[in-house]
Every structure is written in structure tokens, then in C-alpha cells.
């Protein structure tokens, strides 16, 4: 998902495909750039957001609940 011309829709599609392929257990997203030293800044956050939307739709989480349950993205890097 980290390529020239990437879009949030690319990240959304890729994240959903990976989650659906893996099932509802043990999915740990880890293959992208987007953090410090990234070739294409923003990809990590776009995938993060796509996974959050999926969790809200599929499992009833709220965006506020997800945000309140973890450290801010800038602290994680």
C-alpha cells in the first residue's frame, strides 16, 4: 500500500481484503510504511483508519472508544 500515487481507497481495500482473508482472530497489521523514514507518509495512518472503520462496522466498536483505548499515533512512532 506504500506506493507512488496511493490513495486512502487503496488502503481501505487492502486492509479489508487482509482482514477478511485472515478471519476474525489474530490479525496484526504490520506490512506498510508511513511512519518515520517512510517513502510515502500517511499510509500507516490510512490503514489504521481503515481497520478502525472495519472494527466499528463489524464488531460494534465506536471510533471514540477506539481512540480512548490507545496511545496517540504520534507516540507510537
C-alpha atoms as a PDB file:
ATOM      1  CA  UNK A   1       0.000   0.000   0.000  1.00  0.00           C
ATOM      2  CA  UNK A   2       3.003   2.208   0.157  1.00  0.00           C
ATOM      3  CA  UNK A   3       3.498   3.194  -3.477  1.00  0.00           C
ATOM      4  CA  UNK A   4       3.539   6.299  -5.608  1.00  0.00           C
ATOM      5  CA  UNK A   5       0.004   7.542  -6.143  1.00  0.00           C
ATOM      6  CA  UNK A   6      -1.527   5.596  -3.243  1.00  0.00           C
ATOM      7  CA  UNK A   7      -4.956   6.672  -2.031  1.00  0.00           C
ATOM      8  CA  UNK A   8      -6.965   6.115   1.117  1.00  0.00           C
ATOM      9  CA  UNK A   9      -9.240   3.903  -1.009  1.00  0.00           C
ATOM     10  CA  UNK A  10      -6.231   1.677  -1.816  1.00  0.00           C
ATOM     11  CA  UNK A  11      -5.504   1.346   1.896  1.00  0.00           C
ATOM     12  CA  UNK A  12      -9.167   0.673   2.691  1.00  0.00           C
ATOM     13  CA  UNK A  13      -9.388  -2.046   0.043  1.00  0.00           C
ATOM     14  CA  UNK A  14      -6.122  -3.690   1.054  1.00  0.00           C
ATOM     15  CA  UNK A  15      -6.910  -3.637   4.769  1.00  0.00           C
ATOM     16  CA  UNK A  16     -10.381  -5.090   4.280  1.00  0.00           C
ATOM     17  CA  UNK A  17      -9.069  -7.831   1.991  1.00  0.00           C
ATOM     18  CA  UNK A  18      -6.372  -8.775   4.507  1.00  0.00           C
ATOM     19  CA  UNK A  19      -8.794  -8.797   7.442  1.00  0.00           C
ATOM     20  CA  UNK A  20     -11.386 -10.873   5.589  1.00  0.00           C
ATOM     21  CA  UNK A  21      -8.706 -13.310   4.404  1.00  0.00           C
ATOM     22  CA  UNK A  22      -7.360 -13.770   7.944  1.00  0.00           C
ATOM     23  CA  UNK A  23     -10.702 -14.131   9.671  1.00  0.00           C
ATOM     24  CA  UNK A  24     -11.652 -12.553  12.968  1.00  0.00           C
ATOM     25  CA  UNK A  25      -8.702 -13.698  15.072  1.00  0.00           C
ATOM     26  CA  UNK A  26      -5.026 -12.893  15.250  1.00  0.00           C
ATOM     27  CA  UNK A  27      -4.824 -10.127  12.639  1.00  0.00           C
ATOM     28  CA  UNK A  28      -1.789  -7.947  13.327  1.00  0.00           C
ATOM     29  CA  UNK A  29      -1.211  -5.379  10.591  1.00  0.00           C
ATOM     30  CA  UNK A  30       2.463  -4.793  10.103  1.00  0.00           C
ATOM     31  CA  UNK A  31       3.400  -4.521   6.442  1.00  0.00           C
ATOM     32  CA  UNK A  32       3.424  -0.911   5.337  1.00  0.00           C
ATOM     33  CA  UNK A  33       5.495   2.162   5.528  1.00  0.00           C
ATOM     34  CA  UNK A  34       4.073   5.508   6.597  1.00  0.00           C
ATOM     35  CA  UNK A  35       5.993   6.034   9.798  1.00  0.00           C
ATOM     36  CA  UNK A  36       9.323   7.811  10.178  1.00  0.00           C
ATOM     37  CA  UNK A  37      11.514   7.272   7.155  1.00  0.00           C
ATOM     38  CA  UNK A  38       8.544   6.319   5.034  1.00  0.00           C
ATOM     39  CA  UNK A  39       8.636   6.598   1.302  1.00  0.00           C
ATOM     40  CA  UNK A  40       5.003   7.737   1.301  1.00  0.00           C
ATOM     41  CA  UNK A  41       3.938   9.461   4.517  1.00  0.00           C
ATOM     42  CA  UNK A  42       0.383   8.833   5.602  1.00  0.00           C
ATOM     43  CA  UNK A  43      -0.051   5.224   4.538  1.00  0.00           C
ATOM     44  CA  UNK A  44       0.180   3.863   8.082  1.00  0.00           C
ATOM     45  CA  UNK A  45      -2.498   6.269   9.317  1.00  0.00           C
ATOM     46  CA  UNK A  46      -4.754   5.464   6.352  1.00  0.00           C
ATOM     47  CA  UNK A  47      -4.531   1.741   7.100  1.00  0.00           C
ATOM     48  CA  UNK A  48      -5.036   2.404  10.823  1.00  0.00           C
ATOM     49  CA  UNK A  49      -8.221   4.349   9.991  1.00  0.00           C
ATOM     50  CA  UNK A  50      -9.468   1.621   7.627  1.00  0.00           C
ATOM     51  CA  UNK A  51      -9.016  -1.029  10.323  1.00  0.00           C
ATOM     52  CA  UNK A  52     -10.833   1.186  12.823  1.00  0.00           C
ATOM     53  CA  UNK A  53     -13.778   1.623  10.432  1.00  0.00           C
ATOM     54  CA  UNK A  54     -13.908  -2.128   9.886  1.00  0.00           C
ATOM     55  CA  UNK A  55     -13.921  -2.778  13.644  1.00  0.00           C
ATOM     56  CA  UNK A  56     -16.755  -0.294  14.115  1.00  0.00           C
ATOM     57  CA  UNK A  57     -18.832  -1.839  11.331  1.00  0.00           C
ATOM     58  CA  UNK A  58     -18.141  -5.482  12.111  1.00  0.00           C
ATOM     59  CA  UNK A  59     -17.811  -5.548  15.891  1.00  0.00           C
ATOM     60  CA  UNK A  60     -19.770  -2.526  17.103  1.00  0.00           C
ATOM     61  CA  UNK A  61     -16.833  -0.519  18.400  1.00  0.00           C
ATOM     62  CA  UNK A  62     -17.043   3.250  18.319  1.00  0.00           C
ATOM     63  CA  UNK A  63     -14.343   5.499  16.937  1.00  0.00           C
ATOM     64  CA  UNK A  64     -14.297   7.374  20.243  1.00  0.00           C
ATOM     65  CA  UNK A  65     -13.864   4.145  22.183  1.00  0.00           C
ATOM     66  CA  UNK A  66     -11.024   3.013  19.958  1.00  0.00           C
ATOM     67  CA  UNK A  67      -9.257   6.379  20.221  1.00  0.00           C
ATOM     68  CA  UNK A  68      -9.633   6.422  24.011  1.00  0.00           C
ATOM     69  CA  UNK A  69      -8.190   2.917  24.388  1.00  0.00           C
ATOM     70  CA  UNK A  70      -4.724   3.552  22.963  1.00  0.00           C
ATOM     71  CA  UNK A  71      -1.867   5.981  22.789  1.00  0.00           C
ATOM     72  CA  UNK A  72      -1.921   8.614  20.031  1.00  0.00           C
ATOM     73  CA  UNK A  73      -0.328   7.544  16.753  1.00  0.00           C
ATOM     74  CA  UNK A  74       2.495  10.094  17.102  1.00  0.00           C
ATOM     75  CA  UNK A  75       3.608   8.495  20.373  1.00  0.00           C
ATOM     76  CA  UNK A  76       3.731   5.051  18.782  1.00  0.00           C
ATOM     77  CA  UNK A  77       6.447   6.155  16.361  1.00  0.00           C
END
